């Protein structure tokens, strides 16, 4: 998957970009990702959502196809 990475003098990734095109039976979706990394070594607080707010991707195998085919009224 083609991508670009910006590496700092300490060997850390500072920026990562990629553009991905997904084609499904003639329908194409383009995803552009631009991630920038800062605040190395800063403390981080992460709280997982309650299990009732999550679902395994294995239980929704057509998620991305369904999202790509949704109209504004369906997605809203």
N, C-alpha and C. Protein backbone atom coordinates (compact mmCIF):
# COMPACT_ATOMS: atom_id res chain seq x y z
N UNK A 1 0.85 -1.16 0.00
CA UNK A 1 0.00 0.00 0.00
C UNK A 1 0.91 1.24 0.00
N UNK A 2 0.88 2.04 -1.04
CA UNK A 2 1.74 3.22 -1.10
C UNK A 2 1.40 4.23 0.01
N UNK A 3 2.44 4.73 0.63
CA UNK A 3 2.25 5.72 1.70
C UNK A 3 3.51 6.58 1.78
N UNK A 4 3.41 7.65 2.57
CA UNK A 4 4.56 8.50 2.83
C UNK A 4 4.71 8.64 4.33
N UNK A 5 5.96 8.61 4.79
CA UNK A 5 6.24 8.76 6.21
C UNK A 5 7.29 9.84 6.39
N UNK A 6 7.11 10.68 7.39
CA UNK A 6 8.11 11.67 7.76
C UNK A 6 8.73 11.17 9.06
N UNK A 7 10.04 11.00 9.05
CA UNK A 7 10.77 10.45 10.20
C UNK A 7 11.63 11.56 10.81
N UNK A 8 11.60 11.71 12.14
CA UNK A 8 12.42 12.73 12.77
C UNK A 8 13.83 12.20 13.07
N UNK A 9 14.68 13.03 13.65
CA UNK A 9 16.07 12.66 13.89
C UNK A 9 16.21 11.55 14.93
N UNK A 10 15.15 11.26 15.69
CA UNK A 10 15.17 10.16 16.65
C UNK A 10 14.59 8.87 16.07
N UNK A 11 14.25 8.89 14.77
CA UNK A 11 13.72 7.70 14.11
C UNK A 11 12.23 7.48 14.33
N UNK A 12 11.54 8.50 14.85
CA UNK A 12 10.10 8.37 15.11
C UNK A 12 9.29 8.88 13.91
N UNK A 13 8.19 8.22 13.64
CA UNK A 13 7.29 8.69 12.59
C UNK A 13 6.58 9.94 13.10
N UNK A 14 6.68 11.03 12.36
CA UNK A 14 6.02 12.29 12.73
C UNK A 14 4.76 12.52 11.92
N UNK A 15 4.76 11.98 10.70
CA UNK A 15 3.58 12.13 9.85
C UNK A 15 3.50 10.90 8.96
N UNK A 16 2.27 10.47 8.72
CA UNK A 16 2.02 9.30 7.88
C UNK A 16 0.82 9.62 7.00
N UNK A 17 0.98 9.50 5.68
CA UNK A 17 -0.14 9.76 4.78
C UNK A 17 -0.30 8.60 3.80
N UNK A 18 -1.55 8.37 3.41
CA UNK A 18 -1.83 7.41 2.36
C UNK A 18 -3.19 7.72 1.77
N UNK A 19 -3.35 7.33 0.52
CA UNK A 19 -4.64 7.43 -0.15
C UNK A 19 -4.98 6.04 -0.65
N UNK A 20 -6.17 5.59 -0.32
CA UNK A 20 -6.60 4.24 -0.65
C UNK A 20 -7.88 4.33 -1.45
N UNK A 21 -7.92 3.66 -2.59
CA UNK A 21 -9.14 3.57 -3.38
C UNK A 21 -9.69 2.16 -3.28
N UNK A 22 -10.96 2.06 -2.93
CA UNK A 22 -11.63 0.77 -2.78
C UNK A 22 -12.69 0.68 -3.87
N UNK A 23 -12.61 -0.35 -4.69
CA UNK A 23 -13.57 -0.54 -5.78
C UNK A 23 -14.40 -1.78 -5.47
N UNK A 24 -15.71 -1.60 -5.47
CA UNK A 24 -16.62 -2.71 -5.22
C UNK A 24 -17.67 -2.72 -6.32
N UNK A 25 -17.50 -3.59 -7.28
CA UNK A 25 -18.46 -3.75 -8.38
C UNK A 25 -18.74 -2.43 -9.09
N UNK A 26 -17.69 -1.66 -9.35
CA UNK A 26 -17.86 -0.40 -10.07
C UNK A 26 -18.06 0.82 -9.20
N UNK A 27 -18.37 0.64 -7.93
CA UNK A 27 -18.48 1.75 -6.99
C UNK A 27 -17.12 1.95 -6.35
N UNK A 28 -16.62 3.18 -6.38
CA UNK A 28 -15.30 3.45 -5.84
C UNK A 28 -15.39 4.42 -4.67
N UNK A 29 -14.69 4.10 -3.61
CA UNK A 29 -14.57 4.98 -2.45
C UNK A 29 -13.09 5.33 -2.30
N UNK A 30 -12.81 6.58 -2.01
CA UNK A 30 -11.44 7.01 -1.79
C UNK A 30 -11.29 7.44 -0.34
N UNK A 31 -10.27 6.92 0.31
CA UNK A 31 -9.99 7.26 1.70
C UNK A 31 -8.61 7.91 1.74
N UNK A 32 -8.56 9.14 2.25
CA UNK A 32 -7.28 9.84 2.41
C UNK A 32 -6.98 9.92 3.90
N UNK A 33 -5.79 9.47 4.28
CA UNK A 33 -5.39 9.47 5.69
C UNK A 33 -4.17 10.36 5.84
N UNK A 34 -4.22 11.26 6.81
CA UNK A 34 -3.07 12.13 7.13
C UNK A 34 -2.96 12.16 8.65
N UNK A 35 -2.05 11.35 9.19
CA UNK A 35 -1.87 11.28 10.65
C UNK A 35 -0.59 12.01 11.02
N UNK A 36 -0.68 12.84 12.05
CA UNK A 36 0.49 13.57 12.53
C UNK A 36 0.69 13.23 14.00
N UNK A 37 1.93 12.94 14.36
CA UNK A 37 2.25 12.47 15.70
C UNK A 37 3.08 13.50 16.43
N UNK A 38 2.66 13.85 17.63
CA UNK A 38 3.34 14.83 18.47
C UNK A 38 3.26 14.38 19.92
N UNK A 39 3.83 15.17 20.79
CA UNK A 39 3.73 14.94 22.24
C UNK A 39 4.27 13.57 22.65
N UNK A 40 5.38 13.16 22.06
CA UNK A 40 5.99 11.89 22.44
C UNK A 40 6.35 11.92 23.92
N UNK A 41 6.20 10.81 24.58
CA UNK A 41 6.51 10.63 26.01
C UNK A 41 5.55 11.36 26.94
N UNK A 42 4.50 11.99 26.41
CA UNK A 42 3.50 12.64 27.27
C UNK A 42 2.56 11.57 27.83
N UNK A 43 2.11 11.73 29.07
CA UNK A 43 1.18 10.74 29.62
C UNK A 43 -0.14 10.74 28.85
N UNK A 44 -0.73 9.57 28.75
CA UNK A 44 -1.99 9.42 28.01
C UNK A 44 -2.99 8.70 28.90
N UNK A 45 -4.20 9.19 28.93
CA UNK A 45 -5.27 8.52 29.65
C UNK A 45 -6.30 7.98 28.67
N UNK A 46 -6.50 6.69 28.69
CA UNK A 46 -7.44 6.06 27.77
C UNK A 46 -8.44 5.26 28.57
N UNK A 47 -9.72 5.44 28.25
CA UNK A 47 -10.78 4.68 28.91
C UNK A 47 -11.55 3.94 27.82
N UNK A 48 -11.61 2.63 27.94
CA UNK A 48 -12.35 1.83 26.96
C UNK A 48 -13.84 2.08 27.12
N UNK A 49 -14.58 2.08 26.01
CA UNK A 49 -16.03 2.24 26.11
C UNK A 49 -16.64 1.00 26.74
N UNK A 50 -17.84 1.15 27.29
CA UNK A 50 -18.51 -0.03 27.85
C UNK A 50 -18.76 -1.08 26.76
N UNK A 51 -18.73 -2.33 27.15
CA UNK A 51 -18.94 -3.42 26.19
C UNK A 51 -20.26 -3.26 25.44
N UNK A 52 -21.26 -2.67 26.07
CA UNK A 52 -22.56 -2.48 25.42
C UNK A 52 -22.49 -1.48 24.26
N UNK A 53 -21.41 -0.70 24.18
CA UNK A 53 -21.24 0.28 23.11
C UNK A 53 -20.30 -0.21 22.01
N UNK A 54 -19.90 -1.47 22.05
CA UNK A 54 -18.97 -1.99 21.05
C UNK A 54 -19.55 -3.22 20.37
N UNK A 55 -18.97 -3.54 19.22
CA UNK A 55 -19.35 -4.75 18.49
C UNK A 55 -18.12 -5.23 17.73
N UNK A 56 -17.95 -6.51 17.65
CA UNK A 56 -16.84 -7.10 16.89
C UNK A 56 -17.08 -6.90 15.39
N UNK A 57 -16.04 -6.52 14.66
CA UNK A 57 -16.20 -6.37 13.21
C UNK A 57 -16.60 -7.68 12.55
N UNK A 58 -16.29 -8.80 13.16
CA UNK A 58 -16.69 -10.09 12.61
C UNK A 58 -18.22 -10.22 12.55
N UNK A 59 -18.92 -9.47 13.40
CA UNK A 59 -20.38 -9.54 13.42
C UNK A 59 -21.03 -8.63 12.38
N UNK A 60 -20.24 -7.78 11.73
CA UNK A 60 -20.76 -6.89 10.69
C UNK A 60 -19.84 -6.95 9.46
N UNK A 61 -19.76 -8.13 8.82
CA UNK A 61 -18.80 -8.30 7.72
C UNK A 61 -19.06 -7.40 6.51
N UNK A 62 -20.26 -6.86 6.36
CA UNK A 62 -20.55 -6.01 5.20
C UNK A 62 -20.57 -4.52 5.59
N UNK A 63 -20.00 -4.17 6.75
CA UNK A 63 -20.06 -2.80 7.24
C UNK A 63 -19.60 -1.79 6.20
N UNK A 64 -18.41 -1.96 5.64
CA UNK A 64 -17.88 -0.97 4.72
C UNK A 64 -18.67 -0.92 3.42
N UNK A 65 -19.13 -2.05 2.95
CA UNK A 65 -19.98 -2.06 1.76
C UNK A 65 -21.29 -1.33 2.05
N UNK A 66 -21.87 -1.60 3.21
CA UNK A 66 -23.12 -0.96 3.59
C UNK A 66 -22.95 0.56 3.73
N UNK A 67 -21.85 0.98 4.34
CA UNK A 67 -21.60 2.41 4.49
C UNK A 67 -21.42 3.09 3.14
N UNK A 68 -20.73 2.42 2.24
CA UNK A 68 -20.51 2.99 0.92
C UNK A 68 -21.76 3.13 0.10
N UNK A 69 -22.77 2.30 0.37
CA UNK A 69 -24.01 2.35 -0.39
C UNK A 69 -25.11 3.14 0.28
N UNK A 70 -24.85 3.67 1.48
CA UNK A 70 -25.88 4.40 2.21
C UNK A 70 -26.11 5.77 1.60
N UNK A 71 -27.37 6.17 1.53
CA UNK A 71 -27.69 7.52 1.11
C UNK A 71 -27.75 8.41 2.35
N UNK A 72 -27.84 9.71 2.16
CA UNK A 72 -27.87 10.63 3.29
C UNK A 72 -29.02 10.31 4.23
N UNK A 73 -30.19 9.95 3.68
CA UNK A 73 -31.33 9.65 4.54
C UNK A 73 -31.14 8.34 5.29
N UNK A 74 -30.43 7.38 4.70
CA UNK A 74 -30.19 6.11 5.38
C UNK A 74 -29.14 6.26 6.48
N UNK A 75 -28.13 7.08 6.22
CA UNK A 75 -27.03 7.22 7.18
C UNK A 75 -27.40 8.10 8.36
N UNK A 76 -28.38 9.00 8.19
CA UNK A 76 -28.69 10.00 9.18
C UNK A 76 -29.28 9.51 10.42
